[in-house]
Amino acid sequence: MYLPKAHEETSKDVLNGLIKNHPLGCIVTLGKEGLIVNHIPFLLDPTSGEHGTLRGHVARANPMWQDLSTSTESVVIFQGPDSYVSPNWYPGKHQTGKAVPTWNYAVVHAHGFLKVIDDAAWLLKLVTELTDVHEASQSLPWQVSDAPRDYIDRMLEMIVGIEIPVTKIVGKWKMSQNRTREDRLGVVAGLDARHDAGAQAVAAWVTRSLQD
């Protein structure tokens, strides 16, 4: 990933926070026919290994876990908020005209060697943790134990676990850090005026970058 120094994010807490809040990862693996791409919700265990460990599962029918190069690292891409940025939002543009459109975004790339885990007890623990995390905001959270055990057992037979001890983690926060403070404030105002969730989120992140 192209990573200008101004856009590099190295704080482990910040990187882990993006993964926690945007857990649907785009995982890229290498198979016999070339690259394989899947989209999987992950749990990050930040206490396991130097950079943490990602855990998830795929359908047993998914050929990814069988057609896998064990000698090549996989990468999981976690995408934070993003939004278009108009040059009209820069005060500097109105003085010199020297500005072009761009896109602001935040991403984390987590690299590591993927392990396949075909163990019912491990999978039950994983899906229970995934469920508890994502049901926590519900007024009446659903639990794995709400379903009949024989049904859950059949569902577990249809999935395979994957685990990735993270060997390298890279964060890119492209939040107008290469612009003047005045232009960055103009970006915040322009994004706030759009009234959509993505723009509002990026506006908040640009504001935070001004405070750092």
Protein backbone atom coordinates (compact mmCIF):
# COMPACT_ATOMS: atom_id res chain seq x y z
CA MET A 1 0.00 0.00 0.00
CA TYR A 2 1.30 3.44 -0.91
CA LEU A 3 1.76 5.18 2.43
CA PRO A 4 2.97 8.79 2.62
CA LYS A 5 4.37 9.57 6.07
CA ALA A 6 1.64 12.14 6.75
CA HIS A 7 -1.01 9.44 6.42
CA GLU A 8 0.69 6.67 8.41
CA GLU A 9 -1.08 5.53 11.59
CA THR A 10 1.04 3.47 14.01
CA SER A 11 -0.92 3.53 17.28
CA LYS A 12 -1.88 -0.04 18.13
CA ASP A 13 -4.95 1.14 20.03
CA VAL A 14 -6.14 3.18 17.04
CA LEU A 15 -5.55 0.33 14.57
CA ASN A 16 -7.28 -2.19 16.81
CA GLY A 17 -10.14 0.25 17.33
CA LEU A 18 -10.83 0.43 13.59
CA ILE A 19 -10.88 -3.37 13.35
CA LYS A 20 -13.25 -3.58 16.32
CA ASN A 21 -15.63 -0.98 14.90
CA HIS A 22 -15.41 -2.19 11.27
CA PRO A 23 -14.97 -5.97 11.69
CA LEU A 24 -16.01 -7.07 8.19
CA GLY A 25 -12.62 -7.81 6.66
CA CYS A 26 -11.77 -8.34 3.01
CA ILE A 27 -9.37 -11.28 3.12
CA VAL A 28 -7.04 -11.92 0.19
CA THR A 29 -5.35 -15.33 -0.05
CA LEU A 30 -3.31 -17.04 -2.73
CA GLY A 31 -4.67 -20.22 -4.28
CA LYS A 32 -3.51 -22.50 -7.08
CA GLU A 33 -5.33 -20.40 -9.69
CA GLY A 34 -4.32 -17.01 -8.28
CA LEU A 35 -5.74 -14.57 -5.75
CA ILE A 36 -8.92 -15.44 -3.82
CA VAL A 37 -10.98 -12.71 -2.13
CA ASN A 38 -13.62 -13.19 0.57
CA HIS A 39 -15.49 -10.93 2.98
CA ILE A 40 -15.60 -12.23 6.55
CA PRO A 41 -16.42 -10.72 9.97
CA PHE A 42 -13.44 -11.15 12.28
CA LEU A 43 -12.76 -11.04 15.98
CA LEU A 44 -9.42 -9.59 17.03
CA ASP A 45 -7.70 -10.93 20.12
CA PRO A 46 -5.19 -8.13 20.83
CA THR A 47 -3.50 -10.12 23.61
CA SER A 48 -2.49 -13.05 21.40
CA GLY A 49 0.87 -12.49 19.70
CA GLU A 50 2.82 -9.31 18.96
CA HIS A 51 0.11 -7.74 16.80
CA GLY A 52 -2.90 -9.79 17.91
CA THR A 53 -4.73 -12.69 16.28
CA LEU A 54 -7.73 -12.56 13.94
CA ARG A 55 -10.34 -15.29 14.13
CA GLY A 56 -13.32 -16.03 11.91
CA HIS A 57 -14.99 -18.74 9.89
CA VAL A 58 -15.98 -19.57 6.33
CA ALA A 59 -18.50 -21.95 4.82
CA ARG A 60 -17.17 -25.47 4.47
CA ALA A 61 -18.29 -25.26 0.82
CA ASN A 62 -15.99 -22.25 0.31
CA PRO A 63 -12.92 -23.56 -1.58
CA MET A 64 -10.68 -20.91 0.00
CA TRP A 65 -9.69 -22.98 3.01
CA GLN A 66 -8.69 -25.97 0.87
CA ASP A 67 -7.07 -24.06 -2.01
CA LEU A 68 -4.58 -22.20 0.13
CA SER A 69 -0.87 -21.49 -0.14
CA THR A 70 0.56 -22.06 3.33
CA SER A 71 3.91 -20.53 2.31
CA THR A 72 2.45 -17.12 1.39
CA GLU A 73 1.02 -14.54 3.76
CA SER A 74 -2.61 -13.55 3.51
CA VAL A 75 -3.82 -10.00 4.08
CA VAL A 76 -7.08 -8.81 5.61
CA ILE A 77 -8.26 -5.28 4.73
CA PHE A 78 -10.47 -3.42 7.18
CA GLN A 79 -12.16 -0.32 5.75
CA GLY A 80 -13.12 2.59 7.98
CA PRO A 81 -15.20 5.62 6.96
CA ASP A 82 -14.59 7.26 3.60
CA SER A 83 -15.86 10.24 1.64
CA TYR A 84 -15.23 12.34 -1.45
CA VAL A 85 -13.53 15.71 -0.82
CA SER A 86 -14.28 18.63 -3.15
CA PRO A 87 -11.54 21.20 -3.86
CA ASN A 88 -14.23 23.87 -3.46
CA TRP A 89 -14.03 23.26 0.29
CA TYR A 90 -10.44 24.54 0.48
CA PRO A 91 -10.14 28.27 1.21
CA GLY A 92 -6.75 28.07 -0.49
CA LYS A 93 -8.38 27.01 -3.75
CA HIS A 94 -10.28 30.29 -3.96
CA GLN A 95 -7.00 32.19 -3.65
CA THR A 96 -4.78 30.24 -6.07
CA GLY A 97 -7.03 27.75 -7.91
CA LYS A 98 -4.39 25.10 -7.20
CA ALA A 99 -6.50 22.24 -5.88
CA VAL A 100 -7.97 18.97 -7.17
CA PRO A 101 -10.58 16.50 -5.85
CA THR A 102 -9.51 13.68 -3.56
CA TRP A 103 -10.92 10.96 -1.31
CA ASN A 104 -10.46 10.67 2.43
CA TYR A 105 -10.47 7.25 4.09
CA ALA A 106 -9.01 5.06 6.82
CA VAL A 107 -7.87 1.47 6.33
CA VAL A 108 -5.97 -1.22 8.20
CA HIS A 109 -4.08 -4.03 6.46
CA ALA A 110 -3.34 -7.04 8.69
CA HIS A 111 -0.87 -9.60 7.31
CA GLY A 112 -0.29 -13.15 8.51
CA PHE A 113 -0.20 -16.85 7.70
CA LEU A 114 -3.69 -18.34 7.78
CA LYS A 115 -4.42 -21.44 9.84
CA VAL A 116 -7.45 -23.66 9.23
CA ILE A 117 -9.21 -24.95 12.36
CA ASP A 118 -11.75 -27.75 11.95
CA ASP A 119 -12.80 -28.26 15.56
CA ALA A 120 -16.41 -28.11 16.78
CA ALA A 121 -15.58 -26.84 20.29
CA TRP A 122 -13.36 -24.05 18.91
CA LEU A 123 -16.04 -23.06 16.41
CA LEU A 124 -18.77 -23.01 19.06
CA LYS A 125 -16.67 -20.70 21.21
CA LEU A 126 -16.00 -18.44 18.21
CA VAL A 127 -19.60 -18.12 17.04
CA THR A 128 -20.71 -17.54 20.63
CA GLU A 129 -18.21 -14.68 20.99
CA LEU A 130 -19.15 -13.22 17.60
CA THR A 131 -22.82 -13.36 18.51
CA ASP A 132 -22.33 -11.79 21.92
CA VAL A 133 -20.32 -8.91 20.43
CA HIS A 134 -22.78 -8.07 17.66
CA GLU A 135 -25.97 -8.70 19.62
CA ALA A 136 -24.84 -6.55 22.56
CA SER A 137 -26.62 -3.44 21.25
CA GLN A 138 -29.96 -5.21 20.79
CA SER A 139 -32.71 -4.61 23.34
CA LEU A 140 -33.18 -8.38 23.59
CA PRO A 141 -29.88 -9.98 22.49
CA TRP A 142 -30.11 -13.29 20.66
CA GLN A 143 -27.84 -16.01 22.04
CA VAL A 144 -26.49 -19.15 20.43
CA SER A 145 -28.15 -21.11 23.23
CA ASP A 146 -31.55 -19.80 22.04
CA ALA A 147 -31.41 -22.31 19.17
CA PRO A 148 -31.76 -26.09 19.68
CA ARG A 149 -28.35 -27.68 20.32
CA ASP A 150 -28.76 -30.29 17.57
CA TYR A 151 -29.46 -27.46 15.09
CA ILE A 152 -26.36 -25.55 16.21
CA ASP A 153 -24.30 -28.73 15.89
CA ARG A 154 -25.47 -29.13 12.28
CA MET A 155 -24.65 -25.50 11.55
CA LEU A 156 -21.15 -25.95 13.00
CA GLU A 157 -20.58 -28.90 10.66
CA MET A 158 -21.11 -26.52 7.74
CA ILE A 159 -18.33 -24.08 8.65
CA VAL A 160 -14.55 -24.13 9.10
CA GLY A 161 -12.56 -21.85 11.38
CA ILE A 162 -9.70 -19.63 10.27
CA GLU A 163 -7.10 -18.00 12.48
CA ILE A 164 -4.45 -15.47 11.49
CA PRO A 165 -1.69 -14.55 13.94
CA VAL A 166 -0.91 -11.04 12.67
CA THR A 167 2.74 -10.64 11.64
CA LYS A 168 2.42 -7.08 10.32
CA ILE A 169 -0.25 -4.41 10.64
CA VAL A 170 -0.34 -1.20 8.61
CA GLY A 171 -2.73 1.73 8.99
CA LYS A 172 -3.44 4.54 6.55
CA TRP A 173 -5.45 7.53 7.76
CA LYS A 174 -5.92 9.85 4.77
CA MET A 175 -7.65 12.72 6.54
CA SER A 176 -6.34 15.83 4.72
CA GLN A 177 -3.18 15.95 6.88
CA ASN A 178 -1.22 17.28 3.90
CA ARG A 179 -3.40 20.42 3.68
CA THR A 180 -3.20 23.64 5.69
CA ARG A 181 -5.23 23.95 8.88
CA GLU A 182 -7.59 26.35 7.10
CA ASP A 183 -8.17 23.89 4.27
CA ARG A 184 -8.74 21.05 6.74
CA LEU A 185 -11.33 23.10 8.57
CA GLY A 186 -12.94 23.75 5.18
CA VAL A 187 -13.06 19.99 4.59
CA VAL A 188 -14.82 19.50 7.94
CA ALA A 189 -17.40 22.17 7.07
CA GLY A 190 -17.96 20.73 3.59
CA LEU A 191 -18.41 17.20 4.91
CA ASP A 192 -20.72 18.33 7.71
CA ALA A 193 -22.93 20.05 5.14
CA ARG A 194 -23.53 16.78 3.25
CA HIS A 195 -25.59 15.19 6.06
CA ASP A 196 -24.78 11.58 5.16
CA ALA A 197 -23.31 9.08 7.59
CA GLY A 198 -20.03 8.53 5.71
CA ALA A 199 -19.31 12.24 5.34
CA GLN A 200 -20.21 12.92 8.98
CA ALA A 201 -17.88 10.15 10.15
CA VAL A 202 -14.98 11.44 8.05
CA ALA A 203 -15.63 14.99 9.31
CA ALA A 204 -15.22 13.71 12.87
CA TRP A 205 -11.99 11.91 11.97
CA VAL A 206 -10.54 14.98 10.24
CA THR A 207 -11.44 17.01 13.35
CA ARG A 208 -9.62 14.47 15.54
CA SER A 209 -6.57 14.63 13.28
CA LEU A 210 -6.47 18.40 13.80
CA GLN A 211 -6.36 17.86 17.55
CA ASP A 212 -3.55 15.28 17.48
